[in-house]
Amino acid sequence: MKYLAYFIFIVLALALQTGVFGYFKIAGAGPNILLLLLVTLSLEKEDYDFFFVSIICGLFLDFYSSLFVGSFLFGFLITAYCLHLAASALLAYEINWKYLLLFLVAAMLISQLWLWGYSALAFKLGWWPERVSINLIRRLFLPEFFYNAVLIYPVYILTRFIKKGLIRLFSRQQVIN
């Protein structure tokens, strides 16, 4: 049940990202709501739901993009795991909104560098006819960061709301059983 709720939330976030925000780009860059969802979920210390979310988000973006298979999947897995390790090691208590921008910058850097390196490797080995240009990543990084920075707190609030709802749902199911 919990994973079904995450799946529905991911589908809605992807629809919002491609449907609505696809028309409201800033300097050619739109937000990556799936990355924002991944950032907010991977900062939980005791919960490993971010692995499921990163796999589903990565697969959806791989199917949606024209890049080599696994570009987003492996990038999101590596990004989520690095963020989780950093949050576990650096933060003594729980995550709050003050740290979100720091982790957003780290997530964008890790995922963009992975995307560039992975596509360059696939291009160099002749597995794929195109690659992601580092100049394109550099040109779109700041507009995408500002867009993501505006949207990270609402996504953070929404994921907290969903997590609390899931906790209440499962605690009621355990009492009934």
Protein backbone atom coordinates (compact mmCIF):
# COMPACT_ATOMS: atom_id res chain seq x y z
CA MET A 1 0.00 0.00 0.00
CA LYS A 2 2.82 2.37 0.86
CA TYR A 3 4.54 1.79 -2.46
CA LEU A 4 1.31 2.27 -4.35
CA ALA A 5 0.96 5.70 -2.72
CA TYR A 6 4.53 6.55 -3.74
CA PHE A 7 3.88 5.33 -7.27
CA ILE A 8 0.77 7.50 -7.62
CA PHE A 9 2.67 10.48 -6.22
CA ILE A 10 5.51 9.91 -8.69
CA VAL A 11 3.10 9.69 -11.62
CA LEU A 12 1.42 12.92 -10.55
CA ALA A 13 4.79 14.64 -10.10
CA LEU A 14 5.92 13.51 -13.55
CA ALA A 15 2.67 14.74 -15.08
CA LEU A 16 3.13 18.08 -13.34
CA GLN A 17 6.77 18.29 -14.44
CA THR A 18 6.14 17.50 -18.09
CA GLY A 19 2.63 18.84 -18.50
CA VAL A 20 2.51 22.08 -16.56
CA PHE A 21 6.09 23.15 -16.00
CA GLY A 22 7.07 22.16 -19.53
CA TYR A 23 5.34 25.34 -20.67
CA PHE A 24 6.84 27.60 -17.99
CA LYS A 25 10.57 27.32 -18.55
CA ILE A 26 13.10 29.84 -17.30
CA ALA A 27 15.95 30.37 -19.79
CA GLY A 28 15.15 27.00 -21.34
CA ALA A 29 15.24 25.11 -18.04
CA GLY A 30 12.36 23.57 -16.15
CA PRO A 31 12.24 22.08 -12.68
CA ASN A 32 13.01 18.46 -11.97
CA ILE A 33 10.25 17.62 -9.53
CA LEU A 34 11.25 13.96 -9.45
CA LEU A 35 14.71 14.97 -8.28
CA LEU A 36 13.14 17.17 -5.61
CA LEU A 37 11.04 14.25 -4.45
CA LEU A 38 14.14 12.11 -4.34
CA VAL A 39 16.05 14.72 -2.32
CA THR A 40 13.34 15.06 0.30
CA LEU A 41 12.88 11.31 0.71
CA SER A 42 16.56 10.37 0.76
CA LEU A 43 17.25 12.57 3.77
CA GLU A 44 15.29 10.28 6.09
CA LYS A 45 17.74 8.41 8.31
CA GLU A 46 15.71 5.38 9.29
CA ASP A 47 13.67 4.91 6.13
CA TYR A 48 14.91 3.36 2.88
CA ASP A 49 11.91 4.15 0.69
CA PHE A 50 14.13 6.42 -1.38
CA PHE A 51 15.53 3.36 -3.18
CA PHE A 52 12.09 2.46 -4.53
CA VAL A 53 11.36 6.08 -5.41
CA SER A 54 14.72 6.56 -7.14
CA ILE A 55 14.23 3.41 -9.23
CA ILE A 56 10.73 4.39 -10.34
CA CYS A 57 11.67 8.03 -10.99
CA GLY A 58 14.78 7.00 -12.90
CA LEU A 59 12.87 4.50 -15.02
CA PHE A 60 10.16 7.03 -15.86
CA LEU A 61 12.72 9.65 -16.89
CA ASP A 62 14.67 7.06 -18.88
CA PHE A 63 11.52 6.14 -20.78
CA TYR A 64 10.66 9.79 -21.29
CA SER A 65 14.11 10.98 -22.44
CA SER A 66 16.09 10.07 -25.52
CA LEU A 67 19.27 9.25 -23.60
CA PHE A 68 20.99 5.91 -23.15
CA VAL A 69 19.05 3.47 -20.96
CA GLY A 70 19.98 3.82 -17.31
CA SER A 71 21.15 7.43 -17.51
CA PHE A 72 18.59 8.65 -15.02
CA LEU A 73 18.07 5.35 -13.20
CA PHE A 74 21.67 4.90 -12.11
CA GLY A 75 22.13 8.64 -11.61
CA PHE A 76 19.15 8.83 -9.27
CA LEU A 77 20.24 5.74 -7.35
CA ILE A 78 23.74 7.11 -6.83
CA THR A 79 22.43 10.57 -5.96
CA ALA A 80 19.91 9.26 -3.45
CA TYR A 81 22.43 6.97 -1.79
CA CYS A 82 25.04 9.75 -1.51
CA LEU A 83 22.48 12.12 -0.03
CA HIS A 84 21.32 9.49 2.43
CA LEU A 85 24.89 8.81 3.54
CA ALA A 86 25.61 12.52 3.90
CA ALA A 87 22.42 13.12 5.86
CA SER A 88 23.15 10.20 8.16
CA ALA A 89 26.71 11.32 8.80
CA LEU A 90 26.30 15.09 8.97
CA LEU A 91 22.94 15.71 10.57
CA ALA A 92 22.60 14.88 14.24
CA TYR A 93 18.83 15.22 14.44
CA GLU A 94 16.22 15.40 11.74
CA ILE A 95 16.37 17.29 8.49
CA ASN A 96 14.66 20.65 8.29
CA TRP A 97 14.18 23.26 5.61
CA LYS A 98 17.53 24.99 6.32
CA TYR A 99 19.52 22.15 4.82
CA LEU A 100 17.35 21.58 1.78
CA LEU A 101 19.19 23.99 -0.52
CA LEU A 102 22.55 22.48 0.36
CA PHE A 103 21.32 18.99 -0.44
CA LEU A 104 19.60 20.28 -3.57
CA VAL A 105 22.88 21.67 -4.92
CA ALA A 106 24.63 18.38 -4.11
CA ALA A 107 21.88 16.34 -5.77
CA MET A 108 21.91 18.48 -8.90
CA LEU A 109 25.70 18.31 -9.16
CA ILE A 110 25.85 14.55 -8.67
CA SER A 111 22.99 13.77 -11.04
CA GLN A 112 24.14 16.19 -13.76
CA LEU A 113 27.75 15.02 -13.65
CA TRP A 114 26.58 11.40 -13.77
CA LEU A 115 24.34 12.19 -16.73
CA TRP A 116 27.21 13.85 -18.58
CA GLY A 117 29.75 11.12 -17.80
CA TYR A 118 27.43 8.21 -18.49
CA SER A 119 26.23 9.62 -21.80
CA ALA A 120 29.80 10.47 -22.83
CA LEU A 121 30.88 6.90 -22.05
CA ALA A 122 27.97 5.41 -24.02
CA PHE A 123 28.78 7.73 -26.92
CA LYS A 124 32.50 6.92 -26.81
CA LEU A 125 31.86 3.17 -26.78
CA GLY A 126 29.46 3.51 -29.70
CA TRP A 127 26.42 2.34 -27.76
CA TRP A 128 24.43 5.53 -28.32
CA PRO A 129 24.56 8.15 -31.08
CA GLU A 130 24.29 11.24 -28.86
CA ARG A 131 25.62 12.57 -25.59
CA VAL A 132 24.85 15.33 -23.14
CA SER A 133 27.03 18.38 -23.61
CA ILE A 134 28.79 19.80 -20.58
CA ASN A 135 28.13 23.27 -21.99
CA LEU A 136 24.40 22.57 -21.99
CA ILE A 137 24.56 21.39 -18.38
CA ARG A 138 26.57 24.44 -17.38
CA ARG A 139 24.20 26.82 -19.19
CA LEU A 140 21.05 25.31 -17.67
CA PHE A 141 22.35 24.66 -14.15
CA LEU A 142 21.59 28.06 -12.58
CA PRO A 143 18.09 28.50 -14.05
CA GLU A 144 17.20 24.95 -13.09
CA PHE A 145 18.62 25.49 -9.60
CA PHE A 146 16.53 28.62 -9.05
CA TYR A 147 13.43 26.86 -10.30
CA ASN A 148 14.11 23.85 -8.08
CA ALA A 149 14.94 26.09 -5.11
CA VAL A 150 11.52 27.71 -5.35
CA LEU A 151 9.78 24.34 -5.50
CA ILE A 152 11.78 22.29 -2.99
CA TYR A 153 10.00 23.52 0.11
CA PRO A 154 6.48 22.77 -1.23
CA VAL A 155 7.67 19.30 -2.27
CA TYR A 156 9.23 18.87 1.18
CA ILE A 157 5.95 19.81 2.87
CA LEU A 158 3.98 17.50 0.57
CA THR A 159 6.28 14.53 1.18
CA ARG A 160 6.07 15.09 4.96
CA PHE A 161 2.29 15.14 4.66
CA ILE A 162 2.29 11.89 2.67
CA LYS A 163 4.73 10.21 5.08
CA LYS A 164 2.61 11.20 8.10
CA GLY A 165 -0.52 9.95 6.35
CA LEU A 166 1.14 6.63 5.56
CA ILE A 167 2.36 6.28 9.15
CA ARG A 168 -1.16 6.95 10.47
CA LEU A 169 -2.63 4.48 7.98
CA PHE A 170 -0.22 1.70 8.90
CA SER A 171 -0.53 2.30 12.64
CA ARG A 172 -4.32 1.98 12.36
CA GLN A 173 -4.00 -1.21 10.31
CA GLN A 174 -1.73 -2.75 12.94
CA VAL A 175 -4.17 -1.90 15.75
CA ILE A 176 -7.08 -3.43 13.81
CA ASN A 177 -5.16 -6.63 13.07
